[in-house]
Amino acid sequence: MSKVLIVIAEKDFRDEEFKVPNELIRSAGHSVTVASSGPGVAHGRLGMRVTPDVVISAVDPSVYDAVVIAGGSGCQTYLWSNKPLQEAVRKVYEKGGVVAAICIAPVVLARAGIIKGKKCTVFPSGDALAEMRRGGGILQDQAVVVDGKVVTGNGPDAAYKFGEAIIRLL
């Protein structure tokens, strides 16, 4: 079974964008490690509390088969410009792993240089759309888009389909 890194912002991650894929991936028998941008308990926008296994800066991307990034408003503050996260995403992708992001988190993939020329989706906020275009993504108006080993979802309502798409690639 695969080793999956799920990444959340330390504050204001979107609860269901973490919870649903996490449960689906674990129930499919894969090993999950949860990483956050900061130490201590991470706080979801809707009240969920998660104690991460590791901070992003301490992650060894060579041990993971997939990286999944949950969205939410905290993603823009804590994850978009997170260089260790961008590097981890690039390394997993370059070795043939799955990279997945939902809501506004696909911007991390854009900034990591992964979506250039790829079909993708993102939550339609002005900043996120601009970042995706700057990163060379071919935006699709769909809930979930899979292009090769890259999975993107456009928001909380897509969480279940997003998780299913990840499992199919694992």
N, C-alpha and C. Protein backbone atom coordinates (compact mmCIF):
# COMPACT_ATOMS: atom_id res chain seq x y z
N MET A 1 0.83 -1.18 0.00
CA MET A 1 0.00 0.00 0.00
C MET A 1 0.88 1.25 0.00
N SER A 2 0.29 2.34 -0.39
CA SER A 2 1.03 3.59 -0.56
C SER A 2 1.17 4.38 0.73
N LYS A 3 2.22 5.21 0.77
CA LYS A 3 2.42 6.15 1.88
C LYS A 3 2.01 7.52 1.38
N VAL A 4 1.05 8.12 2.08
CA VAL A 4 0.46 9.38 1.65
C VAL A 4 0.70 10.46 2.70
N LEU A 5 1.15 11.63 2.25
CA LEU A 5 1.31 12.79 3.10
C LEU A 5 0.12 13.71 2.85
N ILE A 6 -0.64 14.00 3.90
CA ILE A 6 -1.75 14.96 3.78
C ILE A 6 -1.33 16.22 4.52
N VAL A 7 -1.43 17.36 3.83
CA VAL A 7 -0.95 18.63 4.36
C VAL A 7 -2.12 19.56 4.64
N ILE A 8 -2.08 20.18 5.83
CA ILE A 8 -3.09 21.17 6.21
C ILE A 8 -2.39 22.42 6.73
N ALA A 9 -3.08 23.55 6.60
CA ALA A 9 -2.59 24.79 7.19
C ALA A 9 -2.79 24.72 8.70
N GLU A 10 -1.96 25.43 9.44
CA GLU A 10 -2.07 25.39 10.90
C GLU A 10 -3.34 26.08 11.41
N LYS A 11 -3.91 26.97 10.60
CA LYS A 11 -5.17 27.63 10.95
C LYS A 11 -6.04 27.74 9.71
N ASP A 12 -7.33 27.56 9.91
CA ASP A 12 -8.33 27.78 8.87
C ASP A 12 -8.19 26.87 7.65
N PHE A 13 -7.76 25.60 7.87
CA PHE A 13 -7.89 24.63 6.77
C PHE A 13 -9.37 24.29 6.68
N ARG A 14 -9.80 23.78 5.54
CA ARG A 14 -11.21 23.43 5.36
C ARG A 14 -11.42 22.00 5.85
N ASP A 15 -12.19 21.85 6.90
CA ASP A 15 -12.36 20.59 7.62
C ASP A 15 -12.66 19.40 6.71
N GLU A 16 -13.70 19.52 5.89
CA GLU A 16 -14.10 18.38 5.07
C GLU A 16 -13.10 18.07 3.95
N GLU A 17 -12.32 19.05 3.54
CA GLU A 17 -11.31 18.81 2.51
C GLU A 17 -10.12 18.02 3.07
N PHE A 18 -9.98 18.03 4.38
CA PHE A 18 -9.02 17.15 5.05
C PHE A 18 -9.69 15.83 5.44
N LYS A 19 -10.80 15.92 6.13
CA LYS A 19 -11.45 14.76 6.74
C LYS A 19 -11.88 13.71 5.72
N VAL A 20 -12.57 14.11 4.67
CA VAL A 20 -13.11 13.13 3.72
C VAL A 20 -12.00 12.38 2.97
N PRO A 21 -11.05 13.07 2.32
CA PRO A 21 -9.97 12.32 1.65
C PRO A 21 -9.15 11.48 2.63
N ASN A 22 -8.88 12.01 3.83
CA ASN A 22 -8.12 11.28 4.84
C ASN A 22 -8.82 9.95 5.17
N GLU A 23 -10.12 10.01 5.43
CA GLU A 23 -10.87 8.79 5.76
C GLU A 23 -10.89 7.81 4.59
N LEU A 24 -11.11 8.33 3.38
CA LEU A 24 -11.15 7.45 2.20
C LEU A 24 -9.80 6.77 1.96
N ILE A 25 -8.72 7.52 2.05
CA ILE A 25 -7.38 6.99 1.80
C ILE A 25 -7.03 5.93 2.85
N ARG A 26 -7.31 6.23 4.11
CA ARG A 26 -7.03 5.27 5.19
C ARG A 26 -7.89 4.01 5.04
N SER A 27 -9.18 4.18 4.70
CA SER A 27 -10.05 3.01 4.59
C SER A 27 -9.69 2.14 3.39
N ALA A 28 -8.97 2.71 2.42
CA ALA A 28 -8.48 1.93 1.28
C ALA A 28 -7.19 1.19 1.63
N GLY A 29 -6.71 1.37 2.88
CA GLY A 29 -5.55 0.63 3.34
C GLY A 29 -4.21 1.33 3.21
N HIS A 30 -4.22 2.58 2.80
CA HIS A 30 -2.97 3.32 2.64
C HIS A 30 -2.53 3.94 3.97
N SER A 31 -1.24 4.16 4.11
CA SER A 31 -0.67 4.78 5.30
C SER A 31 -0.69 6.29 5.13
N VAL A 32 -1.15 7.01 6.15
CA VAL A 32 -1.25 8.47 6.07
C VAL A 32 -0.42 9.13 7.16
N THR A 33 0.33 10.14 6.77
CA THR A 33 1.03 11.03 7.69
C THR A 33 0.43 12.41 7.48
N VAL A 34 0.09 13.09 8.57
CA VAL A 34 -0.47 14.43 8.47
C VAL A 34 0.62 15.45 8.81
N ALA A 35 0.80 16.41 7.91
CA ALA A 35 1.77 17.49 8.11
C ALA A 35 1.04 18.82 8.15
N SER A 36 1.58 19.74 8.92
CA SER A 36 1.02 21.08 8.98
C SER A 36 2.14 22.11 8.88
N SER A 37 1.72 23.34 8.65
CA SER A 37 2.68 24.42 8.49
C SER A 37 3.31 24.84 9.81
N GLY A 38 2.70 24.46 10.92
CA GLY A 38 3.26 24.85 12.21
C GLY A 38 3.10 23.73 13.22
N PRO A 39 3.83 23.82 14.34
CA PRO A 39 3.72 22.79 15.37
C PRO A 39 2.42 22.95 16.17
N GLY A 40 2.06 21.93 16.88
CA GLY A 40 0.88 22.00 17.72
C GLY A 40 -0.39 21.69 16.95
N VAL A 41 -1.51 21.86 17.63
CA VAL A 41 -2.81 21.52 17.06
C VAL A 41 -3.17 22.49 15.93
N ALA A 42 -3.60 21.92 14.80
CA ALA A 42 -4.07 22.72 13.67
C ALA A 42 -5.58 22.92 13.84
N HIS A 43 -6.06 24.10 13.48
CA HIS A 43 -7.46 24.47 13.68
C HIS A 43 -8.18 24.63 12.35
N GLY A 44 -9.22 23.83 12.16
CA GLY A 44 -10.03 23.92 10.95
C GLY A 44 -10.99 25.09 11.03
N ARG A 45 -11.39 25.55 9.88
CA ARG A 45 -12.30 26.69 9.78
C ARG A 45 -13.65 26.41 10.45
N LEU A 46 -14.08 25.15 10.42
CA LEU A 46 -15.38 24.78 10.98
C LEU A 46 -15.27 24.17 12.37
N GLY A 47 -14.09 24.25 12.99
CA GLY A 47 -13.93 23.80 14.36
C GLY A 47 -13.15 22.51 14.57
N MET A 48 -12.79 21.82 13.49
CA MET A 48 -12.02 20.58 13.63
C MET A 48 -10.64 20.89 14.21
N ARG A 49 -10.15 19.99 15.04
CA ARG A 49 -8.81 20.10 15.61
C ARG A 49 -8.02 18.86 15.20
N VAL A 50 -6.81 19.07 14.69
CA VAL A 50 -5.97 17.97 14.23
C VAL A 50 -4.57 18.17 14.79
N THR A 51 -4.03 17.13 15.40
CA THR A 51 -2.64 17.17 15.84
C THR A 51 -1.81 16.51 14.75
N PRO A 52 -1.02 17.31 14.01
CA PRO A 52 -0.24 16.75 12.92
C PRO A 52 0.88 15.84 13.43
N ASP A 53 1.30 14.94 12.56
CA ASP A 53 2.42 14.04 12.88
C ASP A 53 3.77 14.73 12.74
N VAL A 54 3.82 15.75 11.88
CA VAL A 54 5.09 16.39 11.54
C VAL A 54 4.82 17.79 10.98
N VAL A 55 5.80 18.67 11.11
CA VAL A 55 5.71 19.97 10.43
C VAL A 55 6.28 19.80 9.02
N ILE A 56 5.78 20.58 8.11
CA ILE A 56 6.18 20.46 6.70
C ILE A 56 7.70 20.54 6.53
N SER A 57 8.32 21.45 7.25
CA SER A 57 9.77 21.64 7.09
C SER A 57 10.58 20.41 7.49
N ALA A 58 9.98 19.46 8.22
CA ALA A 58 10.69 18.25 8.64
C ALA A 58 10.35 17.03 7.79
N VAL A 59 9.57 17.21 6.75
CA VAL A 59 9.12 16.10 5.90
C VAL A 59 10.25 15.62 4.99
N ASP A 60 10.38 14.30 4.87
CA ASP A 60 11.29 13.69 3.90
C ASP A 60 10.43 13.20 2.74
N PRO A 61 10.36 13.95 1.64
CA PRO A 61 9.46 13.58 0.54
C PRO A 61 9.80 12.25 -0.13
N SER A 62 11.02 11.77 0.05
CA SER A 62 11.42 10.53 -0.62
C SER A 62 10.66 9.31 -0.13
N VAL A 63 10.03 9.41 1.04
CA VAL A 63 9.32 8.24 1.58
C VAL A 63 7.84 8.20 1.20
N TYR A 64 7.35 9.21 0.46
CA TYR A 64 5.93 9.28 0.14
C TYR A 64 5.63 8.98 -1.33
N ASP A 65 4.50 8.32 -1.53
CA ASP A 65 4.01 8.01 -2.87
C ASP A 65 3.02 9.06 -3.35
N ALA A 66 2.52 9.88 -2.44
CA ALA A 66 1.54 10.91 -2.78
C ALA A 66 1.58 12.03 -1.76
N VAL A 67 1.26 13.24 -2.23
CA VAL A 67 1.06 14.40 -1.37
C VAL A 67 -0.32 14.96 -1.68
N VAL A 68 -1.13 15.14 -0.65
CA VAL A 68 -2.49 15.66 -0.78
C VAL A 68 -2.57 16.93 0.08
N ILE A 69 -3.02 18.03 -0.52
CA ILE A 69 -3.08 19.31 0.20
C ILE A 69 -4.53 19.77 0.31
N ALA A 70 -4.97 19.93 1.55
CA ALA A 70 -6.33 20.44 1.80
C ALA A 70 -6.33 21.96 1.66
N GLY A 71 -7.47 22.49 1.27
CA GLY A 71 -7.59 23.93 1.09
C GLY A 71 -8.16 24.63 2.32
N GLY A 72 -8.85 25.71 2.07
CA GLY A 72 -9.37 26.57 3.12
C GLY A 72 -8.60 27.88 3.12
N SER A 73 -9.16 28.90 3.74
CA SER A 73 -8.56 30.22 3.68
C SER A 73 -7.15 30.27 4.26
N GLY A 74 -6.84 29.41 5.22
CA GLY A 74 -5.50 29.38 5.80
C GLY A 74 -4.43 28.93 4.82
N CYS A 75 -4.86 28.26 3.78
CA CYS A 75 -3.93 27.77 2.76
C CYS A 75 -3.17 28.93 2.10
N GLN A 76 -3.88 30.00 1.81
CA GLN A 76 -3.23 31.15 1.18
C GLN A 76 -2.17 31.74 2.11
N THR A 77 -2.47 31.83 3.38
CA THR A 77 -1.54 32.42 4.35
C THR A 77 -0.36 31.51 4.66
N TYR A 78 -0.63 30.21 4.87
CA TYR A 78 0.39 29.31 5.40
C TYR A 78 1.03 28.35 4.38
N LEU A 79 0.36 28.10 3.26
CA LEU A 79 0.86 27.07 2.34
C LEU A 79 1.30 27.59 0.97
N TRP A 80 0.64 28.59 0.43
CA TRP A 80 0.96 29.03 -0.93
C TRP A 80 2.45 29.31 -1.12
N SER A 81 3.07 29.98 -0.18
CA SER A 81 4.48 30.39 -0.31
C SER A 81 5.43 29.50 0.48
N ASN A 82 4.95 28.36 0.95
CA ASN A 82 5.76 27.47 1.78
C ASN A 82 6.76 26.71 0.90
N LYS A 83 8.01 27.15 0.92
CA LYS A 83 9.06 26.56 0.06
C LYS A 83 9.30 25.08 0.34
N PRO A 84 9.38 24.64 1.61
CA PRO A 84 9.55 23.20 1.85
C PRO A 84 8.39 22.37 1.28
N LEU A 85 7.18 22.91 1.33
CA LEU A 85 6.04 22.19 0.75
C LEU A 85 6.15 22.13 -0.77
N GLN A 86 6.50 23.24 -1.39
CA GLN A 86 6.68 23.25 -2.85
C GLN A 86 7.75 22.23 -3.26
N GLU A 87 8.83 22.17 -2.51
CA GLU A 87 9.92 21.23 -2.81
C GLU A 87 9.45 19.78 -2.64
N ALA A 88 8.70 19.51 -1.58
CA ALA A 88 8.20 18.16 -1.34
C ALA A 88 7.26 17.73 -2.47
N VAL A 89 6.39 18.63 -2.88
CA VAL A 89 5.46 18.34 -3.98
C VAL A 89 6.23 18.03 -5.26
N ARG A 90 7.23 18.85 -5.56
CA ARG A 90 8.05 18.65 -6.77
C ARG A 90 8.75 17.29 -6.73
N LYS A 91 9.34 16.96 -5.59
CA LYS A 91 10.09 15.70 -5.48
C LYS A 91 9.19 14.48 -5.63
N VAL A 92 8.03 14.50 -5.00
CA VAL A 92 7.09 13.38 -5.12
C VAL A 92 6.62 13.26 -6.57
N TYR A 93 6.31 14.38 -7.19
CA TYR A 93 5.85 14.38 -8.58
C TYR A 93 6.94 13.87 -9.53
N GLU A 94 8.16 14.35 -9.34
CA GLU A 94 9.27 13.96 -10.23
C GLU A 94 9.59 12.48 -10.15
N LYS A 95 9.31 11.84 -9.02
CA LYS A 95 9.56 10.41 -8.92
C LYS A 95 8.34 9.58 -9.32
N GLY A 96 7.33 10.24 -9.90
CA GLY A 96 6.16 9.52 -10.40
C GLY A 96 5.02 9.36 -9.43
N GLY A 97 5.08 10.11 -8.32
CA GLY A 97 4.02 10.03 -7.33
C GLY A 97 2.82 10.89 -7.69
N VAL A 98 1.78 10.73 -6.90
CA VAL A 98 0.54 11.49 -7.07
C VAL A 98 0.64 12.79 -6.28
N VAL A 99 0.25 13.89 -6.90
CA VAL A 99 0.13 15.16 -6.19
C VAL A 99 -1.30 15.63 -6.36
N ALA A 100 -1.91 16.04 -5.25
CA ALA A 100 -3.32 16.40 -5.27
C ALA A 100 -3.55 17.61 -4.37
N ALA A 101 -4.45 18.50 -4.80
CA ALA A 101 -4.77 19.68 -4.01
C ALA A 101 -6.21 20.09 -4.32
N ILE A 102 -6.88 20.61 -3.30
CA ILE A 102 -8.29 20.96 -3.42
C ILE A 102 -8.54 22.38 -2.95
N CYS A 103 -9.58 22.99 -3.48
CA CYS A 103 -10.02 24.34 -3.13
C CYS A 103 -9.00 25.36 -3.66
N ILE A 104 -8.38 26.15 -2.78
CA ILE A 104 -7.36 27.09 -3.26
C ILE A 104 -5.95 26.51 -3.15
N ALA A 105 -5.83 25.28 -2.64
CA ALA A 105 -4.52 24.63 -2.50
C ALA A 105 -3.82 24.32 -3.82
N PRO A 106 -4.54 24.15 -4.96
CA PRO A 106 -3.81 23.92 -6.21
C PRO A 106 -2.80 25.02 -6.56
N VAL A 107 -2.92 26.18 -5.92
CA VAL A 107 -1.94 27.24 -6.13
C VAL A 107 -0.55 26.76 -5.72
N VAL A 108 -0.46 25.91 -4.70
CA VAL A 108 0.83 25.36 -4.29
C VAL A 108 1.45 24.59 -5.47
N LEU A 109 0.62 23.83 -6.18
CA LEU A 109 1.11 23.08 -7.35
C LEU A 109 1.56 24.03 -8.45
N ALA A 110 0.82 25.11 -8.62
CA ALA A 110 1.20 26.11 -9.63
C ALA A 110 2.55 26.73 -9.28
N ARG A 111 2.71 27.11 -8.04
CA ARG A 111 3.96 27.74 -7.61
C ARG A 111 5.13 26.76 -7.60
N ALA A 112 4.84 25.48 -7.50
CA ALA A 112 5.88 24.45 -7.55
C ALA A 112 6.25 24.09 -8.99
N GLY A 113 5.55 24.67 -9.96
CA GLY A 113 5.85 24.44 -11.37
C GLY A 113 5.30 23.15 -11.93
N ILE A 114 4.28 22.58 -11.29
CA ILE A 114 3.78 21.27 -11.68
C ILE A 114 2.61 21.31 -12.66
N ILE A 115 1.83 22.39 -12.67
CA ILE A 115 0.62 22.37 -13.50
C ILE A 115 0.78 22.99 -14.88
N LYS A 116 1.96 23.42 -15.22
CA LYS A 116 2.17 24.04 -16.54
C LYS A 116 1.73 23.06 -17.63
N GLY A 117 0.75 23.50 -18.44
CA GLY A 117 0.26 22.67 -19.54
C GLY A 117 -0.68 21.55 -19.11
N LYS A 118 -1.07 21.51 -17.84
CA LYS A 118 -1.96 20.46 -17.34
C LYS A 118 -3.37 21.00 -17.13
N LYS A 119 -4.34 20.13 -17.36
CA LYS A 119 -5.72 20.46 -17.04
C LYS A 119 -5.86 20.43 -15.53
N CYS A 120 -6.58 21.41 -14.98
CA CYS A 120 -6.72 21.52 -13.54
C CYS A 120 -7.94 22.34 -13.19
N THR A 121 -8.27 22.35 -11.90
CA THR A 121 -9.34 23.20 -11.41
C THR A 121 -8.90 23.80 -10.09
N VAL A 122 -9.65 24.81 -9.64
CA VAL A 122 -9.35 25.51 -8.39
C VAL A 122 -10.62 26.21 -7.95
N PHE A 123 -10.73 26.51 -6.67
CA PHE A 123 -11.84 27.33 -6.19
C PHE A 123 -11.75 28.67 -6.90
N PRO A 124 -12.86 29.16 -7.47
CA PRO A 124 -12.79 30.34 -8.34
C PRO A 124 -12.66 31.69 -7.63
N SER A 125 -11.68 31.83 -6.76
CA SER A 125 -11.39 33.16 -6.20
C SER A 125 -10.45 33.87 -7.16
N GLY A 126 -10.51 35.17 -7.18
CA GLY A 126 -9.67 35.94 -8.10
C GLY A 126 -8.19 35.65 -7.96
N ASP A 127 -7.70 35.64 -6.71
CA ASP A 127 -6.27 35.38 -6.47
C ASP A 127 -5.86 33.99 -6.93
N ALA A 128 -6.68 32.99 -6.59
CA ALA A 128 -6.35 31.61 -6.96
C ALA A 128 -6.36 31.43 -8.48
N LEU A 129 -7.36 31.98 -9.14
CA LEU A 129 -7.43 31.87 -10.61
C LEU A 129 -6.21 32.52 -11.25
N ALA A 130 -5.83 33.69 -10.77
CA ALA A 130 -4.66 34.39 -11.32
C ALA A 130 -3.39 33.58 -11.12
N GLU A 131 -3.22 32.99 -9.95
CA GLU A 131 -2.03 32.17 -9.67
C GLU A 131 -1.98 30.94 -10.57
N MET A 132 -3.13 30.32 -10.78
CA MET A 132 -3.19 29.12 -11.63
C MET A 132 -2.83 29.47 -13.07
N ARG A 133 -3.36 30.58 -13.55
CA ARG A 133 -3.02 31.02 -14.93
C ARG A 133 -1.54 31.35 -15.02
N ARG A 134 -1.00 32.02 -14.00
CA ARG A 134 0.43 32.36 -13.98
C ARG A 134 1.28 31.10 -14.00
N GLY A 135 0.78 30.03 -13.36
CA GLY A 135 1.51 28.77 -13.32
C GLY A 135 1.34 27.92 -14.57
N GLY A 136 0.55 28.41 -15.53
CA GLY A 136 0.40 27.71 -16.81
C GLY A 136 -0.65 26.61 -16.83
N GLY A 137 -1.53 26.59 -15.82
CA GLY A 137 -2.58 25.57 -15.79
C GLY A 137 -3.65 25.82 -16.83
N ILE A 138 -4.23 24.74 -17.33
CA ILE A 138 -5.36 24.82 -18.27
C ILE A 138 -6.62 24.59 -17.43
N LEU A 139 -7.25 25.68 -17.02
CA LEU A 139 -8.36 25.61 -16.09
C LEU A 139 -9.61 25.00 -16.71
N GLN A 140 -10.23 24.11 -15.94
CA GLN A 140 -11.45 23.42 -16.33
C GLN A 140 -12.53 23.77 -15.31
N ASP A 141 -13.75 23.97 -15.76
CA ASP A 141 -14.86 24.26 -14.86
C ASP A 141 -15.51 22.94 -14.45
N GLN A 142 -14.78 22.16 -13.63
CA GLN A 142 -15.25 20.86 -13.16
C GLN A 142 -14.91 20.73 -11.68
N ALA A 143 -15.65 19.85 -10.99
CA ALA A 143 -15.42 19.65 -9.56
C ALA A 143 -14.05 19.03 -9.29
N VAL A 144 -13.69 18.02 -10.08
CA VAL A 144 -12.40 17.33 -9.92
C VAL A 144 -11.81 17.11 -11.31
N VAL A 145 -10.52 17.39 -11.42
CA VAL A 145 -9.81 17.19 -12.69
C VAL A 145 -8.58 16.33 -12.42
N VAL A 146 -8.41 15.29 -13.23
CA VAL A 146 -7.22 14.44 -13.14
C VAL A 146 -6.47 14.58 -14.46
N ASP A 147 -5.19 14.93 -14.39
CA ASP A 147 -4.34 15.00 -15.57
C ASP A 147 -3.04 14.28 -15.21
N GLY A 148 -2.91 13.06 -15.70
CA GLY A 148 -1.75 12.25 -15.32
C GLY A 148 -1.83 11.92 -13.85
N LYS A 149 -0.80 12.27 -13.10
CA LYS A 149 -0.76 11.99 -11.66
C LYS A 149 -1.10 13.23 -10.83
N VAL A 150 -1.70 14.23 -11.48
CA VAL A 150 -2.10 15.46 -10.79
C VAL A 150 -3.62 15.47 -10.64
N VAL A 151 -4.08 15.62 -9.38
CA VAL A 151 -5.51 15.67 -9.08
C VAL A 151 -5.81 17.02 -8.44
N THR A 152 -6.80 17.73 -8.98
CA THR A 152 -7.23 18.99 -8.38
C THR A 152 -8.74 18.95 -8.18
N GLY A 153 -9.17 19.60 -7.11
CA GLY A 153 -10.59 19.72 -6.79
C GLY A 153 -10.92 21.17 -6.52
N ASN A 154 -12.19 21.56 -6.76
CA ASN A 154 -12.52 22.99 -6.68
C ASN A 154 -13.17 23.45 -5.38
N GLY A 155 -13.31 22.58 -4.39
CA GLY A 155 -13.88 23.05 -3.13
C GLY A 155 -14.46 21.93 -2.29
N PRO A 156 -15.06 22.29 -1.15
CA PRO A 156 -15.52 21.29 -0.19
C PRO A 156 -16.54 20.30 -0.76
N ASP A 157 -17.41 20.74 -1.65
CA ASP A 157 -18.40 19.83 -2.23
C ASP A 157 -17.76 18.73 -3.08
N ALA A 158 -16.52 18.95 -3.50
CA ALA A 158 -15.81 17.98 -4.34
C ALA A 158 -14.96 17.02 -3.52
N ALA A 159 -14.96 17.14 -2.19
CA ALA A 159 -14.04 16.37 -1.35
C ALA A 159 -14.13 14.86 -1.56
N TYR A 160 -15.34 14.32 -1.68
CA TYR A 160 -15.49 12.87 -1.84
C TYR A 160 -14.95 12.41 -3.20
N LYS A 161 -15.35 13.09 -4.27
CA LYS A 161 -14.86 12.73 -5.61
C LYS A 161 -13.35 12.91 -5.70
N PHE A 162 -12.83 13.93 -5.03
CA PHE A 162 -11.40 14.20 -4.98
C PHE A 162 -10.67 13.02 -4.33
N GLY A 163 -11.18 12.58 -3.17
CA GLY A 163 -10.58 11.44 -2.49
C GLY A 163 -10.63 10.17 -3.32
N GLU A 164 -11.75 9.93 -3.99
CA GLU A 164 -11.88 8.75 -4.85
C GLU A 164 -10.87 8.78 -6.00
N ALA A 165 -10.68 9.96 -6.58
CA ALA A 165 -9.73 10.09 -7.70
C ALA A 165 -8.30 9.78 -7.24
N ILE A 166 -7.95 10.21 -6.04
CA ILE A 166 -6.62 9.94 -5.49
C ILE A 166 -6.44 8.43 -5.31
N ILE A 167 -7.43 7.78 -4.73
CA ILE A 167 -7.35 6.34 -4.48
C ILE A 167 -7.18 5.56 -5.79
N ARG A 168 -7.87 5.98 -6.84
CA ARG A 168 -7.73 5.30 -8.14
C ARG A 168 -6.29 5.37 -8.65
N LEU A 169 -5.62 6.48 -8.40
CA LEU A 169 -4.24 6.63 -8.87
C LEU A 169 -3.22 5.90 -8.00
N LEU A 170 -3.58 5.67 -6.74
CA LEU A 170 -2.67 4.97 -5.84
C LEU A 170 -2.68 3.48 -6.17
